[in-house]
Protein backbone atom coordinates (compact mmCIF):
# COMPACT_ATOMS: atom_id res chain seq x y z
CA UNK A 1 3.97 3.85 8.20
CA UNK A 2 7.78 4.39 8.37
CA UNK A 3 9.90 1.31 8.35
CA UNK A 4 11.31 0.08 11.70
CA UNK A 5 14.82 -0.93 12.02
CA UNK A 6 17.30 -0.91 15.14
CA UNK A 7 20.42 -2.53 16.42
CA UNK A 8 20.07 -5.91 18.57
CA UNK A 9 21.95 -4.45 21.56
CA UNK A 10 19.58 -1.53 21.70
CA UNK A 11 16.63 -3.78 21.17
CA UNK A 12 17.61 -6.21 23.72
CA UNK A 13 18.53 -3.72 26.31
CA UNK A 14 14.89 -2.29 26.08
CA UNK A 15 13.17 -5.96 25.86
CA UNK A 16 15.11 -7.26 28.85
CA UNK A 17 15.40 -4.04 30.65
CA UNK A 18 19.02 -4.74 31.06
CA UNK A 19 21.94 -2.21 30.81
CA UNK A 20 23.53 -2.39 26.93
CA UNK A 21 26.99 -3.52 28.35
CA UNK A 22 25.16 -6.56 29.57
CA UNK A 23 24.34 -7.35 25.95
CA UNK A 24 27.49 -8.78 24.83
CA UNK A 25 28.15 -11.18 27.26
CA UNK A 26 24.54 -12.34 26.73
CA UNK A 27 25.18 -12.70 22.89
CA UNK A 28 28.21 -14.66 23.51
CA UNK A 29 26.16 -17.39 25.24
CA UNK A 30 24.54 -18.08 22.02
CA UNK A 31 21.09 -18.15 23.69
CA UNK A 32 19.80 -15.21 21.58
CA UNK A 33 18.35 -16.40 17.94
CA UNK A 34 17.05 -14.23 15.34
CA UNK A 35 14.78 -16.05 12.90
CA UNK A 36 16.28 -19.43 14.46
CA UNK A 37 19.92 -18.94 13.95
CA UNK A 38 22.28 -17.58 16.86
CA UNK A 39 22.89 -13.74 16.82
CA UNK A 40 26.42 -12.86 18.50
CA UNK A 41 27.13 -9.31 16.88
CA UNK A 42 25.85 -6.38 19.04
CA UNK A 43 25.64 -4.35 15.49
CA UNK A 44 23.17 -6.60 13.93
CA UNK A 45 20.22 -4.42 12.32
CA UNK A 46 16.97 -5.97 12.94
CA UNK A 47 13.53 -5.28 11.90
CA UNK A 48 10.11 -5.24 13.31
CA UNK A 49 9.44 -8.77 11.36
CA UNK A 50 12.57 -10.22 12.95
CA UNK A 51 11.93 -13.19 15.02
CA UNK A 52 13.84 -12.82 18.27
CA UNK A 53 14.08 -15.25 20.72
CA UNK A 54 16.07 -15.86 24.25
CA UNK A 55 16.26 -19.71 24.93
CA UNK A 56 12.56 -20.56 25.04
CA UNK A 57 11.29 -16.72 25.37
CA UNK A 58 9.93 -15.24 22.07
CA UNK A 59 10.97 -11.58 22.44
CA UNK A 60 9.42 -10.53 19.23
CA UNK A 61 7.35 -12.32 16.59
CA UNK A 62 5.55 -10.22 14.25
CA UNK A 63 4.31 -11.21 11.15
CA UNK A 64 4.51 -9.14 7.87
CA UNK A 65 0.99 -9.09 6.12
CA UNK A 66 0.41 -8.06 2.60
CA UNK A 67 -3.14 -8.13 1.67
CA UNK A 68 -5.27 -7.68 -1.52
CA UNK A 69 -8.83 -6.25 -1.05
CA UNK A 70 -11.43 -5.90 -3.83
CA UNK A 71 -13.09 -2.49 -2.53
CA UNK A 72 -16.56 -2.15 -3.25
CA UNK A 73 -18.13 1.22 -3.36
CA UNK A 74 -19.15 3.35 -0.61
CA UNK A 75 -16.43 2.07 1.92
CA UNK A 76 -13.99 4.55 3.39
CA UNK A 77 -10.29 3.71 2.47
CA UNK A 78 -9.05 3.98 6.17
CA UNK A 79 -8.11 2.22 8.97
CA UNK A 80 -10.56 4.00 11.31
CA UNK A 81 -13.23 6.65 11.33
CA UNK A 82 -15.66 7.78 13.69
CA UNK A 83 -18.72 8.34 11.53
CA UNK A 84 -18.21 6.16 8.48
CA UNK A 85 -17.71 2.47 7.72
CA UNK A 86 -14.08 1.76 6.72
CA UNK A 87 -12.28 -1.10 4.62
CA UNK A 88 -11.32 -2.56 7.88
CA UNK A 89 -14.86 -3.69 8.65
CA UNK A 90 -14.39 -6.19 5.61
CA UNK A 91 -11.42 -7.84 7.44
CA UNK A 92 -11.27 -10.25 10.63
CA UNK A 93 -10.35 -8.07 13.68
CA UNK A 94 -7.22 -10.47 13.90
CA UNK A 95 -5.76 -8.79 10.99
CA UNK A 96 -6.42 -5.04 12.17
CA UNK A 97 -3.44 -4.88 14.11
CA UNK A 98 -0.64 -2.20 12.44
CA UNK A 99 -2.15 -2.57 9.05
CA UNK A 100 -2.43 0.70 7.01
CA UNK A 101 -3.56 1.25 3.37
CA UNK A 102 -1.21 1.25 0.56
CA UNK A 103 -2.70 3.45 -1.90
CA UNK A 104 -6.04 4.90 -0.99
CA UNK A 105 -9.19 4.70 -3.33
CA UNK A 106 -11.88 7.45 -3.25
CA UNK A 107 -14.93 6.23 -1.27
CA UNK A 108 -17.13 5.66 -4.16
CA UNK A 109 -14.46 4.12 -6.16
CA UNK A 110 -13.98 0.46 -6.56
CA UNK A 111 -11.12 -2.26 -7.25
CA UNK A 112 -7.71 -3.20 -5.85
CA UNK A 113 -6.95 -2.00 -2.47
CA UNK A 114 -3.75 -3.34 -0.85
CA UNK A 115 -3.11 -3.33 2.89
CA UNK A 116 0.05 -4.10 4.93
CA UNK A 117 1.87 -3.77 8.08
CA UNK A 118 5.38 -3.42 6.23
CA UNK A 119 6.17 0.43 5.88
CA UNK A 120 9.17 0.04 3.94
CA UNK A 121 7.32 -2.16 1.11
CA UNK A 122 4.48 0.45 0.96
CA UNK A 123 7.09 3.21 0.79
CA UNK A 124 8.86 1.44 -2.10
CA UNK A 125 5.85 0.73 -3.84
CA UNK A 126 4.02 4.01 -3.49
CA UNK A 127 6.81 6.89 -3.20
CA UNK A 128 6.20 9.43 -5.91
CA UNK A 129 9.88 8.83 -7.19
CA UNK A 130 9.27 5.16 -8.05
CA UNK A 131 6.78 5.76 -10.67
CA UNK A 132 4.63 2.81 -10.18
CA UNK A 133 1.81 2.41 -13.08
CA UNK A 134 -1.56 2.40 -11.70
CA UNK A 135 -4.38 1.24 -13.86
CA UNK A 136 -7.88 1.96 -14.01
CA UNK A 137 -11.23 1.41 -15.72
CA UNK A 138 -13.13 4.68 -16.09
CA UNK A 139 -16.85 5.42 -16.86
CA UNK A 140 -18.01 9.07 -17.78
CA UNK A 141 -21.16 10.73 -18.84
CA UNK A 142 -19.91 11.74 -22.09
CA UNK A 143 -18.31 10.29 -25.26
CA UNK A 144 -14.50 10.39 -24.73
CA UNK A 145 -12.85 12.23 -27.62
CA UNK A 146 -9.56 11.74 -29.11
CA UNK A 147 -8.35 15.02 -27.86
CA UNK A 148 -8.42 13.75 -24.44
CA UNK A 149 -5.96 10.86 -25.24
CA UNK A 150 -3.55 13.35 -26.76
CA UNK A 151 -4.03 15.69 -23.34
CA UNK A 152 -3.60 13.12 -21.19
CA UNK A 153 -0.05 11.74 -22.69
CA UNK A 154 1.14 15.48 -22.73
CA UNK A 155 0.16 16.07 -18.82
CA UNK A 156 -2.62 18.45 -17.93
CA UNK A 157 -2.06 21.63 -15.85
CA UNK A 158 -3.86 22.07 -12.68
CA UNK A 159 -3.87 25.40 -11.52
CA UNK A 160 -4.60 25.02 -7.87
CA UNK A 161 -1.32 23.16 -7.22
CA UNK A 162 0.36 25.12 -10.52
CA UNK A 163 1.67 21.56 -11.70
CA UNK A 164 1.36 19.45 -14.90
CA UNK A 165 0.24 15.91 -14.32
CA UNK A 166 3.09 13.30 -15.62
CA UNK A 167 2.04 11.78 -18.79
CA UNK A 168 -0.61 9.28 -18.90
CA UNK A 169 -1.94 6.41 -21.02
CA UNK A 170 -5.76 6.53 -21.73
CA UNK A 171 -7.11 3.77 -24.01
CA UNK A 172 -10.44 4.37 -25.23
CA UNK A 173 -12.46 0.99 -24.97
CA UNK A 174 -16.10 2.00 -25.42
CA UNK A 175 -17.65 5.67 -26.11
CA UNK A 176 -17.84 6.35 -22.47
CA UNK A 177 -15.32 3.84 -21.15
CA UNK A 178 -11.53 3.97 -21.11
CA UNK A 179 -8.68 2.52 -19.48
CA UNK A 180 -6.42 4.82 -17.88
CA UNK A 181 -2.78 4.22 -16.58
CA UNK A 182 -0.82 6.71 -14.29
CA UNK A 183 2.29 6.96 -12.50
CA UNK A 184 1.35 9.34 -9.74
CA UNK A 185 -1.61 9.92 -7.58
CA UNK A 186 -2.68 13.42 -7.21
CA UNK A 187 -6.03 14.55 -5.31
CA UNK A 188 -9.13 13.32 -7.38
CA UNK A 189 -6.50 13.03 -10.46
CA UNK A 190 -8.65 11.19 -12.77
CA UNK A 191 -11.61 12.98 -12.42
CA UNK A 192 -10.08 16.47 -12.76
CA UNK A 193 -8.40 15.35 -15.74
CA UNK A 194 -11.64 14.43 -17.30
CA UNK A 195 -13.21 17.53 -15.70
CA UNK A 196 -11.15 19.61 -17.73
CA UNK A 197 -13.37 18.27 -20.84
CA UNK A 198 -16.59 18.66 -18.77
CA UNK A 199 -16.97 15.10 -18.89
CA UNK A 200 -17.94 13.90 -15.21
CA UNK A 201 -16.65 10.25 -14.03
CA UNK A 202 -19.46 7.80 -13.10
CA UNK A 203 -17.51 5.02 -12.18
CA UNK A 204 -13.69 4.46 -11.25
CA UNK A 205 -12.39 0.88 -10.92
CA UNK A 206 -8.58 0.13 -10.25
CA UNK A 207 -7.33 -2.97 -11.63
CA UNK A 208 -3.93 -3.03 -10.71
CA UNK A 209 -0.94 -1.37 -9.04
CA UNK A 210 2.54 -1.99 -10.62
CA UNK A 211 2.61 -5.89 -11.58
CA UNK A 212 -0.19 -6.54 -8.98
CA UNK A 213 -3.67 -7.60 -10.49
CA UNK A 214 -6.85 -7.35 -8.93
CA UNK A 215 -7.89 -10.86 -8.60
CA UNK A 216 -11.03 -11.72 -10.85
CA UNK A 217 -12.09 -14.44 -8.45
CA UNK A 218 -12.49 -12.08 -5.62
CA UNK A 219 -15.98 -10.31 -5.30
CA UNK A 220 -16.21 -7.01 -3.78
CA UNK A 221 -15.56 -6.76 -0.18
CA UNK A 222 -13.53 -10.14 -0.49
CA UNK A 223 -9.78 -10.29 0.24
CA UNK A 224 -6.79 -12.74 0.06
CA UNK A 225 -3.22 -12.49 1.13
CA UNK A 226 -0.52 -11.77 -1.79
CA UNK A 227 1.59 -14.41 -3.17
CA UNK A 228 5.50 -14.22 -2.69
CA UNK A 229 5.65 -13.41 -6.16
CA UNK A 230 3.14 -10.36 -5.70
CA UNK A 231 5.21 -9.27 -2.93
C-alpha cells in the first residue's frame, strides 16, 4: 500500500467541500487542529494518520496499526480470497480495515507475519534496497551437507530469472534442521535453494524480520500489537 501524504489546504478543501482559497481564512481562525495543535499553514503536509479536527468536528482520525501474527500452516497470507481461508480470519473484523500483509509467507509456512495499515512503514521495512534480514528455521528431508553452507554464502543461480541470490547465512543446527538468514525474498527462495541439492523442504518457520522477533508467548493463530520499540 503506498504512503498517503497531502497538503493541508487540499485536504480541507476536499473534506469540507470548499474552495481552496477559503482555506487560508479558515486556518487564520485557529479552529483547525492537527493532532491537538492549531494549524495555520496551508502548506503543512499531513498523512492519513494525522488527526484533523475543526472545532468539535473530527475530519480524520485513523489509527496506525502494526500487528504481529503467529501464522499457522494451511492459512493463506492474504487479506482476502474467494476460495481459501486467509490470515484475516484470525483477526477481529474491527481490525480488518486497510490492513495489508508485510512480507508474505507461503500457505504451508509458519511463523512471524506482520500486518499494518501504514504503507510507508511497510515499504521501508520490506523494500529490496533495504536488505532487511529475515530468519527462518528450515526442516529438510535429507541431511544438510557443508557444501550447502558455502553455496548459500556465495549465492545460487536461478536460471529462470537469470539471477544469483544475494549471500545468505546457513547454520546447521541438526542433521536436517538449519537456521537460514536472507536479505531478499524471491519466490519460494529457500525451497529452491535447497532444491538445488535435491533436498525437499518439509517445514519453514520464520522467526524474525529485522529486529522484530516472533513473540514466543504467541501460539499459532494468535496475534498482538507491536511495541513502540518494535515499530
